[in-house]
N, C-alpha and C. Protein backbone atom coordinates (compact mmCIF):
# COMPACT_ATOMS: atom_id res chain seq x y z
N UNK A 1 0.87 -1.33 -0.54
CA UNK A 1 0.36 0.30 -0.33
C UNK A 1 0.82 0.86 -0.12
N UNK A 2 1.38 1.54 0.53
CA UNK A 2 3.48 2.04 1.05
C UNK A 2 3.14 2.39 -1.03
N UNK A 3 3.54 1.83 -1.48
CA UNK A 3 3.94 2.18 -3.09
C UNK A 3 3.01 2.57 -3.45
N UNK A 4 1.51 2.35 -3.42
CA UNK A 4 0.86 3.07 -3.46
C UNK A 4 0.54 4.87 -3.89
N UNK A 5 0.76 4.90 -2.21
CA UNK A 5 0.68 6.18 -1.93
C UNK A 5 1.65 6.80 -2.10
N UNK A 6 2.68 6.40 -2.24
CA UNK A 6 3.96 6.96 -2.41
C UNK A 6 3.92 7.18 -4.40
N UNK A 7 3.60 6.68 -5.07
CA UNK A 7 3.51 6.87 -6.61
C UNK A 7 2.22 8.18 -6.81
N UNK A 8 1.43 8.03 -6.12
CA UNK A 8 0.32 9.14 -6.44
C UNK A 8 0.95 10.82 -5.75
N UNK A 9 1.87 10.18 -4.79
CA UNK A 9 2.15 11.28 -3.94
C UNK A 9 3.67 12.43 -5.58
N UNK A 10 4.50 11.08 -6.49
CA UNK A 10 5.31 11.46 -6.73
C UNK A 10 4.68 11.93 -8.23
N UNK A 11 3.64 11.52 -8.55
CA UNK A 11 3.57 11.52 -10.22
C UNK A 11 2.00 12.14 -10.42
N UNK A 12 0.76 11.43 -9.60
CA UNK A 12 -0.34 11.72 -10.08
C UNK A 12 -0.93 13.41 -9.55
N UNK A 13 -0.89 13.64 -8.02
CA UNK A 13 -1.02 14.81 -7.39
C UNK A 13 0.09 15.98 -8.32
N UNK A 14 1.15 15.62 -9.16
CA UNK A 14 2.00 16.74 -9.55
C UNK A 14 0.59 17.42 -10.93
N UNK A 15 0.31 16.09 -11.49
CA UNK A 15 -0.52 16.21 -12.78
C UNK A 15 -2.24 16.74 -12.23
N UNK A 16 -2.73 16.35 -10.81
CA UNK A 16 -3.53 17.86 -10.32
C UNK A 16 -3.40 18.66 -10.50
N UNK A 17 -2.02 19.45 -10.04
CA UNK A 17 -1.73 20.57 -9.32
C UNK A 17 -1.39 20.98 -10.55
N UNK A 18 -1.41 20.58 -11.32
CA UNK A 18 -0.51 21.22 -13.07
C UNK A 18 -2.30 21.81 -13.87
N UNK A 19 -3.41 20.82 -13.58
CA UNK A 19 -4.66 21.13 -14.28
C UNK A 19 -5.55 22.50 -13.71
N UNK A 20 -5.15 22.08 -12.00
CA UNK A 20 -5.57 23.26 -11.45
C UNK A 20 -4.78 24.68 -11.59
N UNK A 21 -3.76 24.19 -12.03
CA UNK A 21 -2.80 25.59 -12.44
C UNK A 21 -3.42 26.29 -13.66
N UNK A 22 -4.09 25.38 -14.75
CA UNK A 22 -4.30 25.50 -15.87
C UNK A 22 -6.27 26.16 -15.84
N UNK A 23 -6.75 24.77 -15.32
CA UNK A 23 -8.20 26.37 -15.06
C UNK A 23 -7.81 27.35 -14.04
N UNK A 24 -6.45 27.61 -13.30
CA UNK A 24 -7.51 29.15 -12.82
C UNK A 24 -6.44 30.48 -13.45
N UNK A 25 -5.77 29.85 -14.63
CA UNK A 25 -5.11 30.71 -15.48
C UNK A 25 -6.51 30.63 -16.49
N UNK A 26 -6.73 29.60 -17.01
CA UNK A 26 -7.70 30.25 -18.16
C UNK A 26 -9.06 30.45 -17.58
N UNK A 27 -8.97 30.68 -16.57
CA UNK A 27 -11.00 30.95 -16.27
C UNK A 27 -11.84 29.95 -16.60
N UNK A 28 -11.77 28.44 -16.74
CA UNK A 28 -12.47 27.97 -17.52
C UNK A 28 -13.39 28.02 -16.03
N UNK A 29 -14.86 27.35 -16.76
CA UNK A 29 -16.07 26.67 -15.68
C UNK A 29 -15.26 25.17 -15.01
N UNK A 30 -16.07 25.20 -13.65
CA UNK A 30 -15.88 24.20 -12.47
C UNK A 30 -16.10 23.05 -13.06
N UNK A 31 -17.13 22.91 -14.22
CA UNK A 31 -17.47 21.61 -15.16
C UNK A 31 -15.93 20.95 -16.04
N UNK A 32 -15.27 22.18 -16.23
CA UNK A 32 -14.26 21.75 -17.13
C UNK A 32 -13.17 21.16 -16.37
N UNK A 33 -12.88 21.71 -14.96
CA UNK A 33 -11.87 21.20 -14.81
C UNK A 33 -12.26 19.95 -14.77
N UNK A 34 -13.40 19.27 -14.07
CA UNK A 34 -13.71 18.19 -13.26
C UNK A 34 -13.98 17.32 -14.88
N UNK A 35 -14.35 17.92 -15.67
CA UNK A 35 -13.86 16.61 -16.81
C UNK A 35 -12.68 16.38 -17.96
N UNK A 36 -12.05 17.48 -17.29
CA UNK A 36 -10.33 17.03 -17.42
C UNK A 36 -9.99 16.37 -16.42
N UNK A 37 -10.01 16.01 -15.13
CA UNK A 37 -9.83 15.45 -14.12
C UNK A 37 -10.00 13.84 -14.52
N UNK A 38 -11.70 13.72 -15.26
CA UNK A 38 -12.05 12.30 -15.18
C UNK A 38 -11.56 11.65 -16.31
N UNK A 39 -11.20 13.11 -17.26
CA UNK A 39 -10.10 12.44 -18.68
C UNK A 39 -8.49 11.23 -18.07
N UNK A 40 -8.22 12.01 -17.08
CA UNK A 40 -6.62 11.82 -16.61
C UNK A 40 -6.76 10.45 -15.75
N UNK A 41 -8.06 9.90 -15.67
CA UNK A 41 -8.29 8.71 -14.92
C UNK A 41 -8.45 7.65 -16.14
N UNK A 42 -8.61 8.09 -16.76
CA UNK A 42 -9.03 7.38 -18.10
C UNK A 42 -7.91 6.25 -18.98
């Protein structure tokens, strides 16, 4: 389980931070942010 948490912290969290940063910079609505996050897990 530790490896899964470590992987999330190293890779997934950075991707989420990047998506949120882009969301703030582009001024999209909340639905676009949610849709982008859902695509990330496909």
